[in-house]
Structure formats: C-alpha cells, structure tokens
Amino acid sequence: MNSHLQQKLLLLRIEQKKQDMYRKAKSLGFTHPIVVTCSQELDELLNRYQRKVS
C-alpha cells in the first residue's frame, strides 16, 4: 500500500476515534476510564500519523 493511501487511512481512523471518544465522553464524562483509554488510543494514532509525515 502506498504511503499516501496509508496516511489517508490513518486520518480516517483518527477522525473515527475522535468521534467515538466525544460520544463516550458526553455520556460517561471526560475522566471515565473508558474515555481515558480512548484518548490514549487517539494519542497513539496521532503519534503514528506525525511520524509518517515527518
């Protein structure tokens, strides 16, 4: 798979994870362990994206 396509797929996963986290935070609160885990997963996706584009 080419690099450009990988970046686009990663951006899509980032957007999906953000939306998932916001939905969970709205119902559970920002400090709930499930939301914190989701936030950490989002951080990892963002870090992976940053490494790819740097």
PDB file of N, CA and C in Angstrom:
ATOM      1  N   MET A   1       0.851  -1.169   0.000  1.00  0.00           N
ATOM      2  CA  MET A   1       0.000   0.000   0.000  1.00  0.00           C
ATOM      3  C   MET A   1       0.900   1.236   0.000  1.00  0.00           C
ATOM      4  N   ASN A   2       0.563   2.212  -0.837  1.00  0.00           N
ATOM      5  CA  ASN A   2       1.452   3.371  -0.919  1.00  0.00           C
ATOM      6  C   ASN A   2       1.288   4.294   0.293  1.00  0.00           C
ATOM      7  N   SER A   3       2.273   5.123   0.492  1.00  0.00           N
ATOM      8  CA  SER A   3       2.347   5.984   1.670  1.00  0.00           C
ATOM      9  C   SER A   3       1.186   6.967   1.749  1.00  0.00           C
ATOM     10  N   HIS A   4       0.802   7.521   0.609  1.00  0.00           N
ATOM     11  CA  HIS A   4      -0.298   8.490   0.591  1.00  0.00           C
ATOM     12  C   HIS A   4      -1.605   7.839   1.037  1.00  0.00           C
ATOM     13  N   LEU A   5      -1.860   6.648   0.574  1.00  0.00           N
ATOM     14  CA  LEU A   5      -3.071   5.922   0.955  1.00  0.00           C
ATOM     15  C   LEU A   5      -3.035   5.559   2.438  1.00  0.00           C
ATOM     16  N   GLN A   6      -1.879   5.156   2.929  1.00  0.00           N
ATOM     17  CA  GLN A   6      -1.735   4.842   4.353  1.00  0.00           C
ATOM     18  C   GLN A   6      -2.041   6.062   5.215  1.00  0.00           C
ATOM     19  N   GLN A   7      -1.559   7.229   4.783  1.00  0.00           N
ATOM     20  CA  GLN A   7      -1.828   8.458   5.529  1.00  0.00           C
ATOM     21  C   GLN A   7      -3.317   8.774   5.546  1.00  0.00           C
ATOM     22  N   LYS A   8      -3.983   8.615   4.405  1.00  0.00           N
ATOM     23  CA  LYS A   8      -5.419   8.882   4.331  1.00  0.00           C
ATOM     24  C   LYS A   8      -6.207   7.934   5.235  1.00  0.00           C
ATOM     25  N   LEU A   9      -5.822   6.663   5.232  1.00  0.00           N
ATOM     26  CA  LEU A   9      -6.495   5.694   6.090  1.00  0.00           C
ATOM     27  C   LEU A   9      -6.266   6.004   7.566  1.00  0.00           C
ATOM     28  N   LEU A  10      -5.074   6.427   7.892  1.00  0.00           N
ATOM     29  CA  LEU A  10      -4.767   6.789   9.269  1.00  0.00           C
ATOM     30  C   LEU A  10      -5.571   8.014   9.695  1.00  0.00           C
ATOM     31  N   LEU A  11      -5.702   8.991   8.809  1.00  0.00           N
ATOM     32  CA  LEU A  11      -6.523  10.166   9.119  1.00  0.00           C
ATOM     33  C   LEU A  11      -7.980   9.778   9.335  1.00  0.00           C
ATOM     34  N   LEU A  12      -8.467   8.846   8.566  1.00  0.00           N
ATOM     35  CA  LEU A  12      -9.836   8.368   8.737  1.00  0.00           C
ATOM     36  C   LEU A  12     -10.003   7.693  10.096  1.00  0.00           C
ATOM     37  N   ARG A  13      -9.051   6.861  10.466  1.00  0.00           N
ATOM     38  CA  ARG A  13      -9.102   6.207  11.783  1.00  0.00           C
ATOM     39  C   ARG A  13      -9.033   7.228  12.913  1.00  0.00           C
ATOM     40  N   ILE A  14      -8.233   8.281  12.734  1.00  0.00           N
ATOM     41  CA  ILE A  14      -8.128   9.343  13.736  1.00  0.00           C
ATOM     42  C   ILE A  14      -9.480  10.026  13.909  1.00  0.00           C
ATOM     43  N   GLU A  15     -10.116  10.363  12.806  1.00  0.00           N
ATOM     44  CA  GLU A  15     -11.416  11.035  12.873  1.00  0.00           C
ATOM     45  C   GLU A  15     -12.464  10.138  13.533  1.00  0.00           C
ATOM     46  N   GLN A  16     -12.458   8.872  13.195  1.00  0.00           N
ATOM     47  CA  GLN A  16     -13.411   7.937  13.802  1.00  0.00           C
ATOM     48  C   GLN A  16     -13.172   7.811  15.302  1.00  0.00           C
ATOM     49  N   LYS A  17     -11.913   7.740  15.702  1.00  0.00           N
ATOM     50  CA  LYS A  17     -11.582   7.612  17.120  1.00  0.00           C
ATOM     51  C   LYS A  17     -11.971   8.873  17.885  1.00  0.00           C
ATOM     52  N   LYS A  18     -11.774  10.047  17.264  1.00  0.00           N
ATOM     53  CA  LYS A  18     -12.179  11.305  17.901  1.00  0.00           C
ATOM     54  C   LYS A  18     -13.683  11.324  18.152  1.00  0.00           C
ATOM     55  N   GLN A  19     -14.445  10.967  17.140  1.00  0.00           N
ATOM     56  CA  GLN A  19     -15.898  10.959  17.279  1.00  0.00           C
ATOM     57  C   GLN A  19     -16.343   9.957  18.340  1.00  0.00           C
ATOM     58  N   ASP A  20     -15.718   8.803  18.354  1.00  0.00           N
ATOM     59  CA  ASP A  20     -16.024   7.781  19.353  1.00  0.00           C
ATOM     60  C   ASP A  20     -15.733   8.310  20.760  1.00  0.00           C
ATOM     61  N   MET A  21     -14.587   8.958  20.922  1.00  0.00           N
ATOM     62  CA  MET A  21     -14.214   9.495  22.221  1.00  0.00           C
ATOM     63  C   MET A  21     -15.198  10.576  22.676  1.00  0.00           C
ATOM     64  N   TYR A  22     -15.596  11.472  21.781  1.00  0.00           N
ATOM     65  CA  TYR A  22     -16.540  12.528  22.140  1.00  0.00           C
ATOM     66  C   TYR A  22     -17.885  11.952  22.561  1.00  0.00           C
ATOM     67  N   ARG A  23     -18.344  10.924  21.838  1.00  0.00           N
ATOM     68  CA  ARG A  23     -19.623  10.287  22.206  1.00  0.00           C
ATOM     69  C   ARG A  23     -19.536   9.670  23.598  1.00  0.00           C
ATOM     70  N   LYS A  24     -18.444   8.969  23.852  1.00  0.00           N
ATOM     71  CA  LYS A  24     -18.270   8.337  25.158  1.00  0.00           C
ATOM     72  C   LYS A  24     -18.138   9.384  26.259  1.00  0.00           C
ATOM     73  N   ALA A  25     -17.402  10.446  25.987  1.00  0.00           N
ATOM     74  CA  ALA A  25     -17.214  11.498  26.989  1.00  0.00           C
ATOM     75  C   ALA A  25     -18.535  12.188  27.312  1.00  0.00           C
ATOM     76  N   LYS A  26     -19.363  12.359  26.314  1.00  0.00           N
ATOM     77  CA  LYS A  26     -20.657  13.017  26.524  1.00  0.00           C
ATOM     78  C   LYS A  26     -21.539  12.201  27.469  1.00  0.00           C
ATOM     79  N   SER A  27     -21.486  10.892  27.348  1.00  0.00           N
ATOM     80  CA  SER A  27     -22.349  10.063  28.187  1.00  0.00           C
ATOM     81  C   SER A  27     -21.686   9.634  29.499  1.00  0.00           C
ATOM     82  N   LEU A  28     -20.366   9.478  29.501  1.00  0.00           N
ATOM     83  CA  LEU A  28     -19.679   8.951  30.680  1.00  0.00           C
ATOM     84  C   LEU A  28     -18.900  10.002  31.466  1.00  0.00           C
ATOM     85  N   GLY A  29     -18.548  11.107  30.813  1.00  0.00           N
ATOM     86  CA  GLY A  29     -17.701  12.119  31.437  1.00  0.00           C
ATOM     87  C   GLY A  29     -16.257  11.940  30.989  1.00  0.00           C
ATOM     88  N   PHE A  30     -15.536  13.041  30.958  1.00  0.00           N
ATOM     89  CA  PHE A  30     -14.178  13.025  30.410  1.00  0.00           C
ATOM     90  C   PHE A  30     -13.175  12.229  31.242  1.00  0.00           C
ATOM     91  N   THR A  31     -13.469  12.008  32.514  1.00  0.00           N
ATOM     92  CA  THR A  31     -12.498  11.310  33.361  1.00  0.00           C
ATOM     93  C   THR A  31     -12.801   9.820  33.521  1.00  0.00           C
ATOM     94  N   HIS A  32     -13.834   9.330  32.871  1.00  0.00           N
ATOM     95  CA  HIS A  32     -14.169   7.904  32.959  1.00  0.00           C
ATOM     96  C   HIS A  32     -13.037   7.080  32.334  1.00  0.00           C
ATOM     97  N   PRO A  33     -12.686   5.955  32.945  1.00  0.00           N
ATOM     98  CA  PRO A  33     -11.579   5.135  32.421  1.00  0.00           C
ATOM     99  C   PRO A  33     -11.737   4.729  30.950  1.00  0.00           C
ATOM    100  N   ILE A  34     -12.937   4.475  30.506  1.00  0.00           N
ATOM    101  CA  ILE A  34     -13.153   4.109  29.099  1.00  0.00           C
ATOM    102  C   ILE A  34     -12.787   5.274  28.186  1.00  0.00           C
ATOM    103  N   VAL A  35     -13.140   6.491  28.601  1.00  0.00           N
ATOM    104  CA  VAL A  35     -12.833   7.682  27.806  1.00  0.00           C
ATOM    105  C   VAL A  35     -11.331   7.945  27.823  1.00  0.00           C
ATOM    106  N   VAL A  36     -10.711   7.755  28.967  1.00  0.00           N
ATOM    107  CA  VAL A  36      -9.259   7.950  29.073  1.00  0.00           C
ATOM    108  C   VAL A  36      -8.525   6.962  28.163  1.00  0.00           C
ATOM    109  N   THR A  37      -8.959   5.718  28.148  1.00  0.00           N
ATOM    110  CA  THR A  37      -8.358   4.714  27.267  1.00  0.00           C
ATOM    111  C   THR A  37      -8.527   5.108  25.807  1.00  0.00           C
ATOM    112  N   CYS A  38      -9.714   5.568  25.459  1.00  0.00           N
ATOM    113  CA  CYS A  38      -9.982   6.006  24.090  1.00  0.00           C
ATOM    114  C   CYS A  38      -9.070   7.182  23.724  1.00  0.00           C
ATOM    115  N   SER A  39      -8.878   8.094  24.653  1.00  0.00           N
ATOM    116  CA  SER A  39      -7.998   9.240  24.430  1.00  0.00           C
ATOM    117  C   SER A  39      -6.554   8.785  24.198  1.00  0.00           C
ATOM    118  N   GLN A  40      -6.118   7.803  24.954  1.00  0.00           N
ATOM    119  CA  GLN A  40      -4.761   7.273  24.780  1.00  0.00           C
ATOM    120  C   GLN A  40      -4.605   6.603  23.417  1.00  0.00           C
ATOM    121  N   GLU A  41      -5.649   5.905  22.979  1.00  0.00           N
ATOM    122  CA  GLU A  41      -5.615   5.281  21.653  1.00  0.00           C
ATOM    123  C   GLU A  41      -5.552   6.353  20.565  1.00  0.00           C
ATOM    124  N   LEU A  42      -6.299   7.434  20.758  1.00  0.00           N
ATOM    125  CA  LEU A  42      -6.254   8.550  19.813  1.00  0.00           C
ATOM    126  C   LEU A  42      -4.856   9.163  19.790  1.00  0.00           C
ATOM    127  N   ASP A  43      -4.259   9.343  20.949  1.00  0.00           N
ATOM    128  CA  ASP A  43      -2.890   9.874  21.021  1.00  0.00           C
ATOM    129  C   ASP A  43      -1.923   9.010  20.216  1.00  0.00           C
ATOM    130  N   GLU A  44      -2.060   7.701  20.340  1.00  0.00           N
ATOM    131  CA  GLU A  44      -1.171   6.794  19.609  1.00  0.00           C
ATOM    132  C   GLU A  44      -1.373   6.929  18.103  1.00  0.00           C
ATOM    133  N   LEU A  45      -2.610   7.032  17.659  1.00  0.00           N
ATOM    134  CA  LEU A  45      -2.879   7.229  16.231  1.00  0.00           C
ATOM    135  C   LEU A  45      -2.276   8.544  15.744  1.00  0.00           C
ATOM    136  N   LEU A  46      -2.432   9.593  16.538  1.00  0.00           N
ATOM    137  CA  LEU A  46      -1.872  10.899  16.167  1.00  0.00           C
ATOM    138  C   LEU A  46      -0.347  10.842  16.107  1.00  0.00           C
ATOM    139  N   ASN A  47       0.261  10.150  17.052  1.00  0.00           N
ATOM    140  CA  ASN A  47       1.722  10.000  17.042  1.00  0.00           C
ATOM    141  C   ASN A  47       2.186   9.231  15.814  1.00  0.00           C
ATOM    142  N   ARG A  48       1.465   8.173  15.464  1.00  0.00           N
ATOM    143  CA  ARG A  48       1.817   7.402  14.264  1.00  0.00           C
ATOM    144  C   ARG A  48       1.706   8.269  13.019  1.00  0.00           C
ATOM    145  N   TYR A  49       0.659   9.070  12.943  1.00  0.00           N
ATOM    146  CA  TYR A  49       0.490   9.948  11.783  1.00  0.00           C
ATOM    147  C   TYR A  49       1.636  10.954  11.717  1.00  0.00           C
ATOM    148  N   GLN A  50       1.967  11.542  12.851  1.00  0.00           N
ATOM    149  CA  GLN A  50       3.048  12.534  12.890  1.00  0.00           C
ATOM    150  C   GLN A  50       4.372  11.925  12.428  1.00  0.00           C
ATOM    151  N   ARG A  51       4.654  10.706  12.849  1.00  0.00           N
ATOM    152  CA  ARG A  51       5.889  10.036  12.420  1.00  0.00           C
ATOM    153  C   ARG A  51       5.888   9.789  10.910  1.00  0.00           C
ATOM    154  N   LYS A  52       4.732   9.482  10.348  1.00  0.00           N
ATOM    155  CA  LYS A  52       4.656   9.220   8.906  1.00  0.00           C
ATOM    156  C   LYS A  52       4.896  10.476   8.072  1.00  0.00           C
ATOM    157  N   VAL A  53       4.407  11.614   8.546  1.00  0.00           N
ATOM    158  CA  VAL A  53       4.508  12.836   7.743  1.00  0.00           C
ATOM    159  C   VAL A  53       5.778  13.625   8.033  1.00  0.00           C
ATOM    160  N   SER A  54       6.517  13.241   9.058  1.00  0.00           N
ATOM    161  CA  SER A  54       7.749  13.972   9.402  1.00  0.00           C
ATOM    162  C   SER A  54       8.920  13.479   8.591  1.00  0.00           C
TER     163      SER A  54
END
